[in-house]
Amino acid sequence: MMITEKNEKPCFVLTVDEDPEFQFELEDLQECFIKITERVNELRKAFKLPPISLSQSFPENFFGFSIPCIIKMIEGLPNAGLCQNYHFKVRKELNNVKKVIISFFFFFFFFFCFFNKIK
């Protein structure tokens, strides 16, 4: 599987070496997940195995996009901050930490200034 860009959106390109007829390009992660699940269920049926339901997994988990180190790598890519439709997870946490640090800094700064005025 490869992720490219198409119409300024991610495009999920899937090809299978063992099955050249099974290939597609989709812009939606959910659609990609459905296609793969349908193909897996076709193969499982051929071996008389029970099908996998879509509710057993989520596309983000299936493709690894919910793994913290993958999220950090994606959000750490050059120009990742330019993405307008992505909801940052790690960066948001870092921004919250920065806010806490800045708040403590101002608290101690004003505290120091206040006590210096009293003396």
N, C-alpha and C. Protein backbone atom coordinates (compact mmCIF):
# COMPACT_ATOMS: atom_id res chain seq x y z
N MET A 1 0.84 -1.17 0.00
CA MET A 1 0.00 0.00 0.00
C MET A 1 0.89 1.23 0.00
N MET A 2 0.45 2.23 -0.73
CA MET A 2 1.19 3.47 -0.84
C MET A 2 0.20 4.62 -0.68
N ILE A 3 0.64 5.68 -0.06
CA ILE A 3 -0.20 6.86 0.08
C ILE A 3 0.41 7.95 -0.78
N THR A 4 -0.37 8.44 -1.74
CA THR A 4 0.08 9.52 -2.61
C THR A 4 -0.86 10.70 -2.43
N GLU A 5 -0.73 11.68 -3.29
CA GLU A 5 -1.61 12.84 -3.24
C GLU A 5 -2.37 12.95 -4.55
N LYS A 6 -3.66 13.23 -4.44
CA LYS A 6 -4.51 13.39 -5.61
C LYS A 6 -5.54 14.47 -5.29
N ASN A 7 -5.61 15.49 -6.11
CA ASN A 7 -6.54 16.60 -5.89
C ASN A 7 -6.34 17.23 -4.51
N GLU A 8 -5.08 17.36 -4.10
CA GLU A 8 -4.70 17.94 -2.82
C GLU A 8 -5.24 17.17 -1.62
N LYS A 9 -5.49 15.87 -1.81
CA LYS A 9 -5.96 14.99 -0.75
C LYS A 9 -5.13 13.72 -0.78
N PRO A 10 -5.07 12.99 0.34
CA PRO A 10 -4.35 11.72 0.30
C PRO A 10 -5.08 10.72 -0.58
N CYS A 11 -4.32 9.91 -1.28
CA CYS A 11 -4.88 8.87 -2.13
C CYS A 11 -4.23 7.55 -1.73
N PHE A 12 -5.03 6.58 -1.36
CA PHE A 12 -4.54 5.28 -0.92
C PHE A 12 -4.50 4.35 -2.13
N VAL A 13 -3.29 3.92 -2.48
CA VAL A 13 -3.08 3.06 -3.65
C VAL A 13 -2.71 1.68 -3.15
N LEU A 14 -3.51 0.69 -3.53
CA LEU A 14 -3.25 -0.67 -3.09
C LEU A 14 -3.07 -1.58 -4.30
N THR A 15 -1.98 -2.30 -4.31
CA THR A 15 -1.73 -3.32 -5.32
C THR A 15 -1.25 -4.57 -4.59
N VAL A 16 -1.56 -5.72 -5.16
CA VAL A 16 -1.15 -6.99 -4.57
C VAL A 16 -0.35 -7.74 -5.62
N ASP A 17 0.90 -8.06 -5.30
CA ASP A 17 1.76 -8.75 -6.26
C ASP A 17 1.18 -10.09 -6.70
N GLU A 18 0.59 -10.82 -5.77
CA GLU A 18 0.05 -12.14 -6.08
C GLU A 18 -1.28 -12.07 -6.82
N ASP A 19 -1.93 -10.92 -6.82
CA ASP A 19 -3.24 -10.77 -7.48
C ASP A 19 -3.27 -9.43 -8.22
N PRO A 20 -2.67 -9.38 -9.44
CA PRO A 20 -2.58 -8.11 -10.16
C PRO A 20 -3.94 -7.48 -10.52
N GLU A 21 -5.00 -8.28 -10.52
CA GLU A 21 -6.33 -7.74 -10.84
C GLU A 21 -6.90 -6.94 -9.67
N PHE A 22 -6.42 -7.22 -8.48
CA PHE A 22 -6.91 -6.50 -7.30
C PHE A 22 -6.01 -5.30 -7.04
N GLN A 23 -6.41 -4.17 -7.55
CA GLN A 23 -5.71 -2.92 -7.31
C GLN A 23 -6.70 -1.77 -7.40
N PHE A 24 -6.48 -0.78 -6.60
CA PHE A 24 -7.37 0.38 -6.63
C PHE A 24 -6.69 1.59 -6.03
N GLU A 25 -7.25 2.76 -6.32
CA GLU A 25 -6.83 4.04 -5.76
C GLU A 25 -8.07 4.70 -5.20
N LEU A 26 -8.07 4.96 -3.92
CA LEU A 26 -9.21 5.61 -3.27
C LEU A 26 -8.73 6.77 -2.41
N GLU A 27 -9.56 7.79 -2.33
CA GLU A 27 -9.22 8.96 -1.52
C GLU A 27 -9.76 8.88 -0.10
N ASP A 28 -10.60 7.90 0.16
CA ASP A 28 -11.22 7.78 1.47
C ASP A 28 -10.69 6.54 2.19
N LEU A 29 -10.20 6.71 3.40
CA LEU A 29 -9.64 5.61 4.17
C LEU A 29 -10.69 4.55 4.46
N GLN A 30 -11.91 4.97 4.77
CA GLN A 30 -13.00 4.03 5.07
C GLN A 30 -13.30 3.16 3.85
N GLU A 31 -13.36 3.76 2.67
CA GLU A 31 -13.62 2.99 1.44
C GLU A 31 -12.51 1.98 1.19
N CYS A 32 -11.29 2.40 1.43
CA CYS A 32 -10.13 1.52 1.26
C CYS A 32 -10.25 0.32 2.20
N PHE A 33 -10.60 0.59 3.43
CA PHE A 33 -10.76 -0.46 4.42
C PHE A 33 -11.88 -1.43 4.02
N ILE A 34 -12.98 -0.90 3.51
CA ILE A 34 -14.10 -1.74 3.07
C ILE A 34 -13.67 -2.65 1.92
N LYS A 35 -12.95 -2.09 0.94
CA LYS A 35 -12.49 -2.88 -0.21
C LYS A 35 -11.59 -4.03 0.25
N ILE A 36 -10.67 -3.73 1.14
CA ILE A 36 -9.75 -4.76 1.62
C ILE A 36 -10.52 -5.83 2.39
N THR A 37 -11.44 -5.40 3.25
CA THR A 37 -12.22 -6.34 4.03
C THR A 37 -13.07 -7.23 3.13
N GLU A 38 -13.66 -6.66 2.08
CA GLU A 38 -14.44 -7.46 1.13
C GLU A 38 -13.57 -8.52 0.46
N ARG A 39 -12.36 -8.12 0.05
CA ARG A 39 -11.46 -9.06 -0.61
C ARG A 39 -11.00 -10.15 0.36
N VAL A 40 -10.70 -9.79 1.58
CA VAL A 40 -10.30 -10.78 2.58
C VAL A 40 -11.43 -11.76 2.83
N ASN A 41 -12.66 -11.27 2.90
CA ASN A 41 -13.81 -12.14 3.13
C ASN A 41 -14.04 -13.08 1.95
N GLU A 42 -13.77 -12.62 0.72
CA GLU A 42 -13.86 -13.51 -0.45
C GLU A 42 -12.87 -14.67 -0.30
N LEU A 43 -11.66 -14.34 0.09
CA LEU A 43 -10.63 -15.37 0.27
C LEU A 43 -10.96 -16.30 1.43
N ARG A 44 -11.47 -15.74 2.52
CA ARG A 44 -11.85 -16.57 3.67
C ARG A 44 -12.99 -17.52 3.30
N LYS A 45 -13.92 -17.04 2.48
CA LYS A 45 -15.04 -17.87 2.05
C LYS A 45 -14.54 -19.06 1.23
N ALA A 46 -13.53 -18.83 0.39
CA ALA A 46 -12.96 -19.90 -0.43
C ALA A 46 -12.36 -21.01 0.45
N PHE A 47 -11.90 -20.63 1.65
CA PHE A 47 -11.33 -21.61 2.58
C PHE A 47 -12.32 -22.02 3.67
N LYS A 48 -13.58 -21.66 3.46
CA LYS A 48 -14.68 -21.99 4.37
C LYS A 48 -14.43 -21.46 5.79
N LEU A 49 -13.91 -20.24 5.85
CA LEU A 49 -13.70 -19.57 7.13
C LEU A 49 -14.78 -18.51 7.31
N PRO A 50 -15.13 -18.18 8.55
CA PRO A 50 -16.15 -17.15 8.76
C PRO A 50 -15.64 -15.78 8.32
N PRO A 51 -16.54 -14.95 7.85
CA PRO A 51 -16.12 -13.61 7.40
C PRO A 51 -15.73 -12.71 8.57
N ILE A 52 -14.95 -11.71 8.25
CA ILE A 52 -14.58 -10.69 9.22
C ILE A 52 -15.59 -9.56 9.08
N SER A 53 -16.16 -9.11 10.20
CA SER A 53 -17.11 -8.01 10.11
C SER A 53 -16.37 -6.68 10.18
N LEU A 54 -16.95 -5.68 9.58
CA LEU A 54 -16.34 -4.36 9.59
C LEU A 54 -16.27 -3.77 10.99
N SER A 55 -17.14 -4.22 11.86
CA SER A 55 -17.17 -3.67 13.21
C SER A 55 -16.02 -4.22 14.08
N GLN A 56 -15.30 -5.25 13.60
CA GLN A 56 -14.23 -5.83 14.40
C GLN A 56 -12.98 -4.96 14.43
N SER A 57 -12.88 -4.04 13.52
CA SER A 57 -11.70 -3.19 13.47
C SER A 57 -12.10 -1.85 12.89
N PHE A 58 -11.23 -0.90 13.01
CA PHE A 58 -11.45 0.42 12.45
C PHE A 58 -10.31 0.71 11.49
N PRO A 59 -10.56 1.47 10.44
CA PRO A 59 -9.51 1.74 9.45
C PRO A 59 -8.24 2.31 10.07
N GLU A 60 -8.37 3.20 11.04
CA GLU A 60 -7.20 3.82 11.65
C GLU A 60 -6.32 2.77 12.32
N ASN A 61 -6.97 1.79 13.00
CA ASN A 61 -6.22 0.72 13.65
C ASN A 61 -5.62 -0.22 12.62
N PHE A 62 -6.42 -0.55 11.62
CA PHE A 62 -6.01 -1.50 10.59
C PHE A 62 -4.76 -1.02 9.86
N PHE A 63 -4.68 0.25 9.54
CA PHE A 63 -3.56 0.79 8.80
C PHE A 63 -2.45 1.34 9.70
N GLY A 64 -2.66 1.30 10.99
CA GLY A 64 -1.62 1.74 11.92
C GLY A 64 -1.65 3.22 12.25
N PHE A 65 -2.67 3.94 11.79
CA PHE A 65 -2.72 5.39 12.01
C PHE A 65 -3.10 5.76 13.44
N SER A 66 -3.43 4.78 14.28
CA SER A 66 -3.76 5.10 15.67
C SER A 66 -2.59 4.77 16.60
N ILE A 67 -1.49 4.28 16.05
CA ILE A 67 -0.31 3.94 16.85
C ILE A 67 0.44 5.24 17.17
N PRO A 68 0.69 5.51 18.45
CA PRO A 68 1.30 6.80 18.83
C PRO A 68 2.58 7.15 18.08
N CYS A 69 3.48 6.19 17.87
CA CYS A 69 4.73 6.54 17.18
C CYS A 69 4.48 6.88 15.71
N ILE A 70 3.46 6.26 15.10
CA ILE A 70 3.11 6.60 13.71
C ILE A 70 2.51 8.00 13.67
N ILE A 71 1.65 8.30 14.63
CA ILE A 71 1.04 9.64 14.71
C ILE A 71 2.13 10.70 14.84
N LYS A 72 3.12 10.45 15.72
CA LYS A 72 4.21 11.40 15.92
C LYS A 72 5.01 11.59 14.64
N MET A 73 5.26 10.48 13.92
CA MET A 73 6.03 10.60 12.67
C MET A 73 5.26 11.38 11.62
N ILE A 74 3.96 11.12 11.50
CA ILE A 74 3.14 11.84 10.52
C ILE A 74 3.09 13.32 10.87
N GLU A 75 2.84 13.62 12.14
CA GLU A 75 2.73 15.02 12.55
C GLU A 75 4.07 15.74 12.55
N GLY A 76 5.15 14.97 12.54
CA GLY A 76 6.49 15.56 12.52
C GLY A 76 7.04 15.76 11.12
N LEU A 77 6.29 15.38 10.10
CA LEU A 77 6.76 15.54 8.72
C LEU A 77 6.91 17.03 8.38
N PRO A 78 7.84 17.34 7.48
CA PRO A 78 7.99 18.75 7.07
C PRO A 78 6.66 19.28 6.52
N ASN A 79 6.34 20.47 6.89
CA ASN A 79 5.12 21.17 6.45
C ASN A 79 3.82 20.52 6.95
N ALA A 80 3.91 19.62 7.92
CA ALA A 80 2.69 19.01 8.46
C ALA A 80 1.76 20.06 9.06
N GLY A 81 2.34 21.13 9.58
CA GLY A 81 1.55 22.20 10.18
C GLY A 81 0.68 22.95 9.18
N LEU A 82 0.96 22.76 7.89
CA LEU A 82 0.16 23.41 6.84
C LEU A 82 -1.15 22.67 6.56
N CYS A 83 -1.27 21.45 7.07
CA CYS A 83 -2.50 20.67 6.83
C CYS A 83 -3.68 21.37 7.50
N GLN A 84 -4.74 21.55 6.74
CA GLN A 84 -5.90 22.28 7.25
C GLN A 84 -7.01 21.35 7.74
N ASN A 85 -7.09 20.13 7.23
CA ASN A 85 -8.19 19.24 7.59
C ASN A 85 -7.78 18.14 8.57
N TYR A 86 -6.53 18.15 8.98
CA TYR A 86 -6.05 17.13 9.92
C TYR A 86 -6.17 17.65 11.34
N HIS A 87 -6.65 16.81 12.23
CA HIS A 87 -6.78 17.18 13.63
C HIS A 87 -5.58 16.63 14.38
N PHE A 88 -4.64 17.50 14.70
CA PHE A 88 -3.40 17.09 15.35
C PHE A 88 -3.69 16.55 16.73
N LYS A 89 -2.97 15.48 17.09
CA LYS A 89 -3.12 14.87 18.40
C LYS A 89 -1.90 15.17 19.25
N VAL A 90 -0.71 14.87 18.76
CA VAL A 90 0.52 15.09 19.52
C VAL A 90 0.82 16.57 19.62
N ARG A 91 0.68 17.29 18.52
CA ARG A 91 0.96 18.73 18.53
C ARG A 91 0.04 19.46 19.49
N LYS A 92 -1.21 19.02 19.55
CA LYS A 92 -2.17 19.65 20.48
C LYS A 92 -1.70 19.45 21.91
N GLU A 93 -1.21 18.24 22.22
CA GLU A 93 -0.70 17.97 23.57
C GLU A 93 0.51 18.86 23.87
N LEU A 94 1.40 19.03 22.89
CA LEU A 94 2.56 19.88 23.08
C LEU A 94 2.15 21.33 23.31
N ASN A 95 1.13 21.78 22.57
CA ASN A 95 0.65 23.15 22.76
C ASN A 95 0.09 23.33 24.17
N ASN A 96 -0.60 22.32 24.69
CA ASN A 96 -1.12 22.41 26.05
C ASN A 96 0.02 22.48 27.07
N VAL A 97 1.08 21.71 26.85
CA VAL A 97 2.25 21.75 27.75
C VAL A 97 2.88 23.13 27.70
N LYS A 98 3.01 23.70 26.50
CA LYS A 98 3.59 25.04 26.37
C LYS A 98 2.74 26.07 27.13
N LYS A 99 1.43 25.95 27.05
CA LYS A 99 0.55 26.88 27.77
C LYS A 99 0.76 26.79 29.27
N VAL A 100 0.91 25.57 29.79
CA VAL A 100 1.13 25.39 31.22
C VAL A 100 2.46 26.00 31.63
N ILE A 101 3.50 25.77 30.84
CA ILE A 101 4.82 26.33 31.14
C ILE A 101 4.77 27.85 31.14
N ILE A 102 4.13 28.43 30.14
CA ILE A 102 4.01 29.89 30.05
C ILE A 102 3.22 30.44 31.24
N SER A 103 2.16 29.73 31.63
CA SER A 103 1.37 30.17 32.78
C SER A 103 2.20 30.18 34.06
N PHE A 104 2.98 29.12 34.28
CA PHE A 104 3.86 29.08 35.45
C PHE A 104 4.89 30.20 35.40
N PHE A 105 5.45 30.44 34.23
CA PHE A 105 6.43 31.51 34.09
C PHE A 105 5.84 32.84 34.50
N PHE A 106 4.64 33.17 33.99
CA PHE A 106 4.01 34.45 34.34
C PHE A 106 3.63 34.51 35.81
N PHE A 107 3.19 33.38 36.36
CA PHE A 107 2.85 33.34 37.78
C PHE A 107 4.06 33.70 38.63
N PHE A 108 5.18 33.02 38.36
CA PHE A 108 6.39 33.28 39.15
C PHE A 108 6.95 34.67 38.88
N PHE A 109 6.83 35.16 37.66
CA PHE A 109 7.29 36.50 37.33
C PHE A 109 6.52 37.54 38.14
N PHE A 110 5.20 37.45 38.14
CA PHE A 110 4.39 38.41 38.89
C PHE A 110 4.56 38.23 40.40
N PHE A 111 4.72 37.00 40.83
CA PHE A 111 4.97 36.72 42.23
C PHE A 111 6.27 37.38 42.67
N PHE A 112 7.32 37.23 41.88
CA PHE A 112 8.63 37.83 42.16
C PHE A 112 8.51 39.36 42.18
N CYS A 113 7.84 39.93 41.19
CA CYS A 113 7.67 41.38 41.13
C CYS A 113 6.89 41.90 42.33
N PHE A 114 5.86 41.19 42.75
CA PHE A 114 5.04 41.60 43.88
C PHE A 114 5.86 41.65 45.15
N PHE A 115 6.66 40.61 45.41
CA PHE A 115 7.46 40.57 46.64
C PHE A 115 8.59 41.57 46.60
N ASN A 116 9.11 41.89 45.44
CA ASN A 116 10.16 42.91 45.35
C ASN A 116 9.59 44.29 45.65
N LYS A 117 8.32 44.53 45.34
CA LYS A 117 7.70 45.82 45.62
C LYS A 117 7.44 45.99 47.12
N ILE A 118 7.16 44.90 47.81
CA ILE A 118 6.87 44.95 49.25
C ILE A 118 8.12 45.35 50.03
N LYS A 119 9.27 44.87 49.61
CA LYS A 119 10.52 45.16 50.33
C LYS A 119 10.87 46.55 50.15
